[in-house]
Protein backbone atom coordinates (compact mmCIF):
# COMPACT_ATOMS: atom_id res chain seq x y z
CA MET A 1 -0.01 0.03 0.00
CA ALA A 2 1.80 2.94 -1.36
CA GLY A 3 -0.49 5.76 -0.16
CA LYS A 4 -0.93 4.51 3.45
CA ARG A 5 1.37 4.64 6.40
CA ALA A 6 2.38 1.48 7.97
CA SER A 7 0.54 1.00 11.06
CA ASN A 8 3.37 -0.62 12.82
CA THR A 9 5.69 2.34 12.30
CA SER A 10 4.60 5.14 14.72
CA ARG A 11 5.51 8.77 14.64
CA PRO A 12 8.22 9.67 16.94
CA THR A 13 6.81 11.39 19.96
CA MET A 14 7.85 14.92 20.62
CA SER A 15 8.94 15.91 24.01
CA PRO A 16 6.87 18.64 25.64
CA GLU A 17 9.67 21.15 25.03
CA VAL A 18 9.89 20.42 21.33
CA LYS A 19 6.08 20.65 21.30
CA ARG A 20 6.27 24.11 22.73
CA ALA A 21 8.98 25.20 20.36
CA TYR A 22 6.91 23.73 17.46
CA ALA A 23 3.84 25.68 18.59
CA GLN A 24 5.95 28.86 18.94
CA VAL A 25 7.17 28.51 15.47
CA GLU A 26 3.81 27.62 14.16
CA LYS A 27 2.50 30.81 15.85
CA GLY A 28 5.32 32.83 14.44
CA VAL A 29 4.49 31.59 10.82
CA ARG A 30 0.84 32.56 11.37
CA GLY A 31 1.89 36.00 12.78
CA ILE A 32 4.05 36.53 9.52
CA GLY A 33 1.02 35.56 7.49
CA LYS A 34 -1.01 38.02 9.14
CA SER A 35 1.58 40.75 8.93
CA ILE A 36 1.85 39.81 5.13
CA ALA A 37 -1.99 40.33 4.82
CA ASP A 38 -1.90 43.60 6.84
CA ILE A 39 0.90 45.00 4.65
CA GLN A 40 -1.01 43.91 1.46
CA GLN A 41 -4.05 45.63 2.71
CA GLY A 42 -2.16 48.72 3.68
CA LEU A 43 -0.60 48.78 0.19
CA ARG A 44 -3.94 48.46 -1.41
CA GLN A 45 -5.25 51.34 0.66
CA ALA A 46 -2.21 53.45 -0.06
CA GLU A 47 -2.61 52.79 -3.82
CA ARG A 48 -6.23 53.83 -3.68
CA LYS A 49 -5.33 56.94 -1.76
CA VAL A 50 -2.51 57.78 -4.23
CA GLU A 51 -4.90 57.13 -7.17
CA THR A 52 -7.66 59.27 -5.64
CA ASP A 53 -5.08 62.05 -4.91
CA ALA A 54 -3.77 61.85 -8.44
CA ARG A 55 -7.09 62.08 -9.99
CA ALA A 56 -7.87 65.11 -7.81
CA ARG A 57 -4.50 66.80 -8.84
CA ILE A 58 -5.08 65.95 -12.48
CA ARG A 59 -8.59 67.52 -12.18
CA ALA A 60 -7.23 70.64 -10.49
CA LEU A 61 -4.44 70.88 -13.20
CA ARG A 62 -7.03 70.49 -16.03
CA ASP A 63 -9.18 73.20 -14.39
CA GLU A 64 -6.08 75.49 -13.98
CA ALA A 65 -5.03 74.78 -17.61
CA ARG A 66 -8.68 75.60 -18.81
CA MET A 67 -8.56 78.89 -16.92
CA GLU A 68 -5.21 79.79 -18.38
CA LEU A 69 -6.34 78.70 -21.87
CA LYS A 70 -9.52 80.98 -21.48
CA ALA A 71 -7.35 83.92 -20.27
CA LEU A 72 -4.95 83.44 -23.22
CA GLN A 73 -7.88 83.18 -25.55
CA VAL A 74 -9.23 86.53 -24.18
CA ARG A 75 -5.86 88.13 -24.70
CA ARG A 76 -5.66 86.85 -28.10
CA ARG A 77 -9.10 88.19 -28.96
CA GLU A 78 -8.21 91.47 -27.32
CA ALA A 79 -4.90 91.64 -29.38
CA SER A 80 -6.77 90.73 -32.55
CA GLN A 81 -9.41 93.46 -31.98
CA THR A 82 -6.81 95.96 -31.23
CA LEU A 83 -4.92 95.09 -34.41
CA LYS A 84 -8.19 95.41 -36.43
CA ARG A 85 -8.76 98.83 -34.80
CA LEU A 86 -5.29 99.90 -35.38
CA ALA A 87 -5.41 98.45 -38.95
CA GLY A 88 -8.62 100.49 -39.61
CA ALA A 89 -7.16 103.60 -37.99
CA ALA A 90 -3.88 103.16 -39.79
CA GLU A 91 -5.71 102.39 -43.10
CA SER A 92 -7.71 105.62 -42.97
CA SER A 93 -4.54 107.53 -41.74
CA TRP A 94 -2.45 105.80 -44.39
CA ARG A 95 -4.97 106.85 -46.96
CA ASP A 96 -4.68 110.33 -45.78
CA VAL A 97 -0.98 110.18 -45.67
CA LYS A 98 -0.86 108.52 -49.03
CA GLN A 99 -3.23 111.19 -50.57
CA SER A 100 -1.08 113.94 -49.00
CA ALA A 101 2.00 112.35 -50.42
CA ASP A 102 0.45 111.88 -53.84
CA SER A 103 -0.61 115.59 -53.71
CA ILE A 104 2.85 116.70 -52.68
CA PHE A 105 4.46 114.45 -55.29
CA ALA A 106 2.12 115.68 -58.08
CA ASP A 107 2.92 119.29 -57.04
CA ALA A 108 6.64 118.43 -57.03
CA ARG A 109 6.34 116.83 -60.55
CA ALA A 110 4.47 119.77 -61.79
CA THR A 111 6.98 122.13 -60.37
CA ALA A 112 9.95 119.97 -61.68
CA ASP A 113 8.27 119.82 -65.14
CA SER A 114 7.66 123.58 -65.29
CA VAL A 115 11.33 124.21 -64.21
CA ILE A 116 12.62 121.86 -66.80
CA ARG A 117 10.40 123.51 -69.47
CA ARG A 118 11.68 126.90 -68.46
CA PHE A 119 15.35 125.77 -68.54
CA ARG A 120 14.82 124.11 -71.90
CA LYS A 121 13.14 127.33 -73.18
CA ALA A 122 15.82 129.41 -71.74
CA LEU A 123 18.60 127.21 -73.29
CA SER A 124 16.94 127.05 -76.60
CA THR A 125 16.86 130.66 -77.09
């Protein structure tokens, strides 16, 4: 009978001192098992807390980023509107400047043409 113990061979009996030592070791093994379980539970709690804190921090960062983006968009809109106003003002001013310049250039050309004609007339005579 391979799976059964022979009935005529008995276990060696343990002395009371060995039994106490065995019980203490067994108790220590159970204590280590409980400590491992406590550590694993503490790790799971710590992981959940870290994940919760990280989600809260990510939410706060996203909110902060949204606020910054909105502020930047407002600044961009203001700058764009300012440029449009300046472009409009500059365009009307530029038109005025260009018209004044064109008038001055026309007068200068006319004056130059008349001077040239007078010099040519004076030289031809």
